[in-house]
Amino acid sequence: MIKVEEIKLLINNKYIPLNPIMSKVLTNIIIGFLDALKGIPREKKHIKVEISL
């Protein structure tokens, strides 16, 4: 089980608070995606995802 220290969502540089359920859902989606990729370190200490539209 992965223990999440902190997850932040910023939209247009504005912090959007996430409740614990949404934090867990978002974390699990990202971890699941990364686990499907090759070459990703098994031990992950920090993950940063940035999307520009």
Protein backbone atom coordinates (compact mmCIF):
# COMPACT_ATOMS: atom_id res chain seq x y z
CA MET A 1 0.00 0.00 0.00
CA ILE A 2 1.29 3.43 -0.92
CA LYS A 3 1.14 6.14 1.73
CA VAL A 4 0.51 9.55 0.21
CA GLU A 5 2.08 12.43 2.09
CA GLU A 6 0.54 15.18 0.00
CA ILE A 7 -1.35 15.66 -3.25
CA LYS A 8 -2.10 19.09 -4.68
CA LEU A 9 -4.32 20.16 -7.56
CA LEU A 10 -3.68 23.56 -9.10
CA ILE A 11 -5.76 24.97 -11.94
CA ASN A 12 -4.64 28.30 -13.42
CA ASN A 13 -2.28 28.61 -10.42
CA LYS A 14 -5.22 28.34 -8.01
CA TYR A 15 -5.12 25.59 -5.39
CA ILE A 16 -8.18 23.31 -5.53
CA PRO A 17 -8.66 21.34 -2.30
CA LEU A 18 -9.33 17.62 -2.68
CA ASN A 19 -11.19 15.52 -0.16
CA PRO A 20 -9.51 12.28 1.00
CA ILE A 21 -11.51 10.09 -1.40
CA MET A 22 -10.61 12.17 -4.46
CA SER A 23 -6.96 12.29 -3.37
CA LYS A 24 -6.90 8.50 -3.14
CA VAL A 25 -8.66 8.05 -6.52
CA LEU A 26 -6.26 10.41 -8.30
CA THR A 27 -3.24 8.79 -6.65
CA ASN A 28 -4.37 5.28 -7.59
CA ILE A 29 -4.98 6.28 -11.22
CA ILE A 30 -1.50 7.79 -11.54
CA ILE A 31 0.26 4.90 -9.75
CA GLY A 32 -1.63 2.37 -11.88
CA PHE A 33 -0.61 4.20 -15.04
CA LEU A 34 3.04 4.32 -13.98
CA ASP A 35 3.09 0.65 -12.97
CA ALA A 36 2.07 -0.25 -16.54
CA LEU A 37 5.09 1.58 -18.02
CA LYS A 38 8.53 0.09 -18.49
CA GLY A 39 11.62 1.73 -17.03
CA ILE A 40 9.85 3.39 -14.09
CA PRO A 41 11.69 2.93 -10.76
CA ARG A 42 9.97 0.47 -8.42
CA GLU A 43 10.47 2.83 -5.48
CA LYS A 44 8.77 6.15 -6.11
CA LYS A 45 9.41 9.01 -3.68
CA HIS A 46 8.06 11.96 -5.66
CA ILE A 47 5.86 12.14 -8.76
CA LYS A 48 4.99 15.34 -10.56
CA VAL A 49 2.43 15.47 -13.37
CA GLU A 50 1.93 18.72 -15.21
CA ILE A 51 -0.62 19.19 -18.00
CA SER A 52 -0.74 22.31 -20.16
CA LEU A 53 -3.83 22.93 -22.26
